[in-house]
Amino acid sequence: DLRKTSKQLHPLHILHAGIDNGDRNLLERAAIQNLPPPTWTVPKNAKIGDEVILDVATIGFFATAEVASQPKPRPDRKNRYGSEIKDVRLIEPVISLDEIRKTLPELSWVKYARSHTTPPG
């Protein structure tokens, strides 16, 4: 039943990561070694089971994962929420932001990439 399937879909969040802070290396290790869930900055309204795409700065869409815990205020970043992510899977080959801009020009997030966004369905 198509209605049942559509109700089971979770929102997709695009989360931004950095290189110099070790995010790329952490994602690679998490995917390859199936490490315990790392904590990531997520939208306040993220729910357990939501899918995420992780964008590594200057590289592009680098990995996918799943929200593993309810978002909580981050003590190290004002007005930001953190959640554990699990099931990190590397995207190979990486999808560049230039390619995303060409393919999805209506996705304004790629013009001014920031910490996170939840695109409309």
C-alpha atoms as a PDB file:
ATOM      1  CA  ASP A   1       0.000   0.000   0.000  1.00  0.00           C
ATOM      2  CA  LEU A   2       1.558   3.284  -1.160  1.00  0.00           C
ATOM      3  CA  ARG A   3       0.051   5.302   1.706  1.00  0.00           C
ATOM      4  CA  LYS A   4       1.688   3.050   4.257  1.00  0.00           C
ATOM      5  CA  THR A   5       5.069   3.399   2.524  1.00  0.00           C
ATOM      6  CA  SER A   6       4.868   7.200   2.356  1.00  0.00           C
ATOM      7  CA  LYS A   7       4.105   7.398   6.086  1.00  0.00           C
ATOM      8  CA  GLN A   8       7.254   5.404   6.821  1.00  0.00           C
ATOM      9  CA  LEU A   9       9.542   7.891   5.056  1.00  0.00           C
ATOM     10  CA  HIS A  10      11.708  10.005   7.329  1.00  0.00           C
ATOM     11  CA  PRO A  11      12.831  13.561   6.587  1.00  0.00           C
ATOM     12  CA  LEU A  12      16.239  14.052   4.995  1.00  0.00           C
ATOM     13  CA  HIS A  13      18.671  16.516   6.575  1.00  0.00           C
ATOM     14  CA  ILE A  14      21.846  17.852   4.974  1.00  0.00           C
ATOM     15  CA  LEU A  15      24.562  18.320   7.584  1.00  0.00           C
ATOM     16  CA  HIS A  16      27.753  20.286   7.049  1.00  0.00           C
ATOM     17  CA  ALA A  17      31.153  19.068   8.191  1.00  0.00           C
ATOM     18  CA  GLY A  18      34.669  20.398   8.080  1.00  0.00           C
ATOM     19  CA  ILE A  19      38.060  19.042   7.067  1.00  0.00           C
ATOM     20  CA  ASP A  20      40.537  20.676   9.430  1.00  0.00           C
ATOM     21  CA  ASN A  21      38.560  19.592  12.493  1.00  0.00           C
ATOM     22  CA  GLY A  22      38.878  15.944  11.477  1.00  0.00           C
ATOM     23  CA  ASP A  23      35.263  15.357  10.382  1.00  0.00           C
ATOM     24  CA  ARG A  24      36.298  13.684   7.118  1.00  0.00           C
ATOM     25  CA  ASN A  25      38.606  11.260   8.911  1.00  0.00           C
ATOM     26  CA  LEU A  26      35.978  10.553  11.583  1.00  0.00           C
ATOM     27  CA  LEU A  27      33.369   9.723   8.930  1.00  0.00           C
ATOM     28  CA  GLU A  28      35.758   7.428   7.078  1.00  0.00           C
ATOM     29  CA  ARG A  29      36.677   5.565  10.273  1.00  0.00           C
ATOM     30  CA  ALA A  30      33.022   5.346  11.380  1.00  0.00           C
ATOM     31  CA  ALA A  31      32.001   3.863   8.007  1.00  0.00           C
ATOM     32  CA  ILE A  32      34.895   1.435   7.642  1.00  0.00           C
ATOM     33  CA  GLN A  33      35.200   0.297  11.261  1.00  0.00           C
ATOM     34  CA  ASN A  34      31.516   0.611  12.232  1.00  0.00           C
ATOM     35  CA  LEU A  35      32.440   2.789  15.225  1.00  0.00           C
ATOM     36  CA  PRO A  36      30.019   3.917  17.951  1.00  0.00           C
ATOM     37  CA  PRO A  37      27.797   6.799  16.834  1.00  0.00           C
ATOM     38  CA  PRO A  38      29.569  10.162  16.668  1.00  0.00           C
ATOM     39  CA  THR A  39      27.707  13.318  17.748  1.00  0.00           C
ATOM     40  CA  TRP A  40      26.836  15.812  15.029  1.00  0.00           C
ATOM     41  CA  THR A  41      25.104  19.190  14.775  1.00  0.00           C
ATOM     42  CA  VAL A  42      21.544  18.539  13.582  1.00  0.00           C
ATOM     43  CA  PRO A  43      18.306  20.520  13.253  1.00  0.00           C
ATOM     44  CA  LYS A  44      16.393  20.872  16.516  1.00  0.00           C
ATOM     45  CA  ASN A  45      13.430  19.051  14.952  1.00  0.00           C
ATOM     46  CA  ALA A  46      15.430  15.976  13.817  1.00  0.00           C
ATOM     47  CA  LYS A  47      14.018  12.656  14.986  1.00  0.00           C
ATOM     48  CA  ILE A  48      15.543   9.240  15.555  1.00  0.00           C
ATOM     49  CA  GLY A  49      15.524   7.409  12.228  1.00  0.00           C
ATOM     50  CA  ASP A  50      15.772  10.525  10.038  1.00  0.00           C
ATOM     51  CA  GLU A  51      18.248  10.162   7.184  1.00  0.00           C
ATOM     52  CA  VAL A  52      21.168  12.556   6.813  1.00  0.00           C
ATOM     53  CA  ILE A  53      23.620  13.446   4.064  1.00  0.00           C
ATOM     54  CA  LEU A  54      26.963  14.689   5.338  1.00  0.00           C
ATOM     55  CA  ASP A  55      28.656  17.386   3.286  1.00  0.00           C
ATOM     56  CA  VAL A  56      32.375  17.764   3.900  1.00  0.00           C
ATOM     57  CA  ALA A  57      33.541  21.333   3.225  1.00  0.00           C
ATOM     58  CA  THR A  58      35.049  21.868  -0.246  1.00  0.00           C
ATOM     59  CA  ILE A  59      34.539  18.197  -1.172  1.00  0.00           C
ATOM     60  CA  GLY A  60      30.785  17.663  -1.429  1.00  0.00           C
ATOM     61  CA  PHE A  61      28.264  15.052  -0.352  1.00  0.00           C
ATOM     62  CA  PHE A  62      30.558  12.582   1.348  1.00  0.00           C
ATOM     63  CA  ALA A  63      28.457  10.153   3.403  1.00  0.00           C
ATOM     64  CA  THR A  64      24.977   9.219   4.544  1.00  0.00           C
ATOM     65  CA  ALA A  65      23.855   8.230   8.027  1.00  0.00           C
ATOM     66  CA  GLU A  66      20.841   8.018  10.314  1.00  0.00           C
ATOM     67  CA  VAL A  67      19.913  10.113  13.353  1.00  0.00           C
ATOM     68  CA  ALA A  68      20.421   7.836  16.378  1.00  0.00           C
ATOM     69  CA  SER A  69      19.370  10.012  19.344  1.00  0.00           C
ATOM     70  CA  GLN A  70      17.032  12.895  20.110  1.00  0.00           C
ATOM     71  CA  PRO A  71      18.721  16.281  19.567  1.00  0.00           C
ATOM     72  CA  LYS A  72      19.948  18.011  22.718  1.00  0.00           C
ATOM     73  CA  PRO A  73      21.379  21.519  23.171  1.00  0.00           C
ATOM     74  CA  ARG A  74      25.131  21.499  22.563  1.00  0.00           C
ATOM     75  CA  PRO A  75      27.071  22.933  25.504  1.00  0.00           C
ATOM     76  CA  ASP A  76      29.916  23.994  23.195  1.00  0.00           C
ATOM     77  CA  ARG A  77      27.810  25.871  20.609  1.00  0.00           C
ATOM     78  CA  LYS A  78      25.080  28.376  21.430  1.00  0.00           C
ATOM     79  CA  ASN A  79      21.717  27.770  19.743  1.00  0.00           C
ATOM     80  CA  ARG A  80      22.903  24.479  18.226  1.00  0.00           C
ATOM     81  CA  TYR A  81      21.655  20.948  18.819  1.00  0.00           C
ATOM     82  CA  GLY A  82      23.578  17.710  18.679  1.00  0.00           C
ATOM     83  CA  SER A  83      22.569  14.141  18.037  1.00  0.00           C
ATOM     84  CA  GLU A  84      24.356  10.866  17.595  1.00  0.00           C
ATOM     85  CA  ILE A  85      24.409   9.498  14.051  1.00  0.00           C
ATOM     86  CA  LYS A  86      24.788   5.839  13.112  1.00  0.00           C
ATOM     87  CA  ASP A  87      25.149   3.607  10.076  1.00  0.00           C
ATOM     88  CA  VAL A  88      27.603   5.968   8.371  1.00  0.00           C
ATOM     89  CA  ARG A  89      28.011   4.981   4.719  1.00  0.00           C
ATOM     90  CA  LEU A  90      30.523   6.681   2.415  1.00  0.00           C
ATOM     91  CA  ILE A  91      29.255   8.028  -0.914  1.00  0.00           C
ATOM     92  CA  GLU A  92      31.577   6.801  -3.646  1.00  0.00           C
ATOM     93  CA  PRO A  93      32.275   8.728  -5.697  1.00  0.00           C
ATOM     94  CA  VAL A  94      31.675  11.866  -3.665  1.00  0.00           C
ATOM     95  CA  ILE A  95      29.054  14.177  -5.216  1.00  0.00           C
ATOM     96  CA  SER A  96      30.550  17.651  -5.605  1.00  0.00           C
ATOM     97  CA  LEU A  97      28.624  20.746  -4.603  1.00  0.00           C
ATOM     98  CA  ASP A  98      29.058  22.011  -8.191  1.00  0.00           C
ATOM     99  CA  GLU A  99      27.218  18.907  -9.420  1.00  0.00           C
ATOM    100  CA  ILE A 100      24.461  19.437  -6.831  1.00  0.00           C
ATOM    101  CA  ARG A 101      24.146  23.098  -7.914  1.00  0.00           C
ATOM    102  CA  LYS A 102      23.717  22.010 -11.554  1.00  0.00           C
ATOM    103  CA  THR A 103      21.298  19.187 -10.771  1.00  0.00           C
ATOM    104  CA  LEU A 104      19.248  20.891  -8.023  1.00  0.00           C
ATOM    105  CA  PRO A 105      19.481  24.650  -8.635  1.00  0.00           C
ATOM    106  CA  GLU A 106      16.396  25.190  -6.438  1.00  0.00           C
ATOM    107  CA  LEU A 107      18.279  23.847  -3.401  1.00  0.00           C
ATOM    108  CA  SER A 108      19.455  27.195  -2.031  1.00  0.00           C
ATOM    109  CA  TRP A 109      21.540  25.527   0.689  1.00  0.00           C
ATOM    110  CA  VAL A 110      24.299  24.654  -1.815  1.00  0.00           C
ATOM    111  CA  LYS A 111      24.760  28.326  -2.713  1.00  0.00           C
ATOM    112  CA  TYR A 112      25.559  29.236   0.888  1.00  0.00           C
ATOM    113  CA  ALA A 113      26.337  25.951   2.640  1.00  0.00           C
ATOM    114  CA  ARG A 114      25.850  26.246   6.388  1.00  0.00           C
ATOM    115  CA  SER A 115      25.645  23.852   9.308  1.00  0.00           C
ATOM    116  CA  HIS A 116      22.434  22.078   8.265  1.00  0.00           C
ATOM    117  CA  THR A 117      19.192  22.220   6.329  1.00  0.00           C
ATOM    118  CA  THR A 118      16.110  20.086   5.827  1.00  0.00           C
ATOM    119  CA  PRO A 119      15.006  20.338   2.188  1.00  0.00           C
ATOM    120  CA  PRO A 120      11.297  20.171   1.445  1.00  0.00           C
ATOM    121  CA  GLY A 121       9.967  16.758   0.413  1.00  0.00           C
END
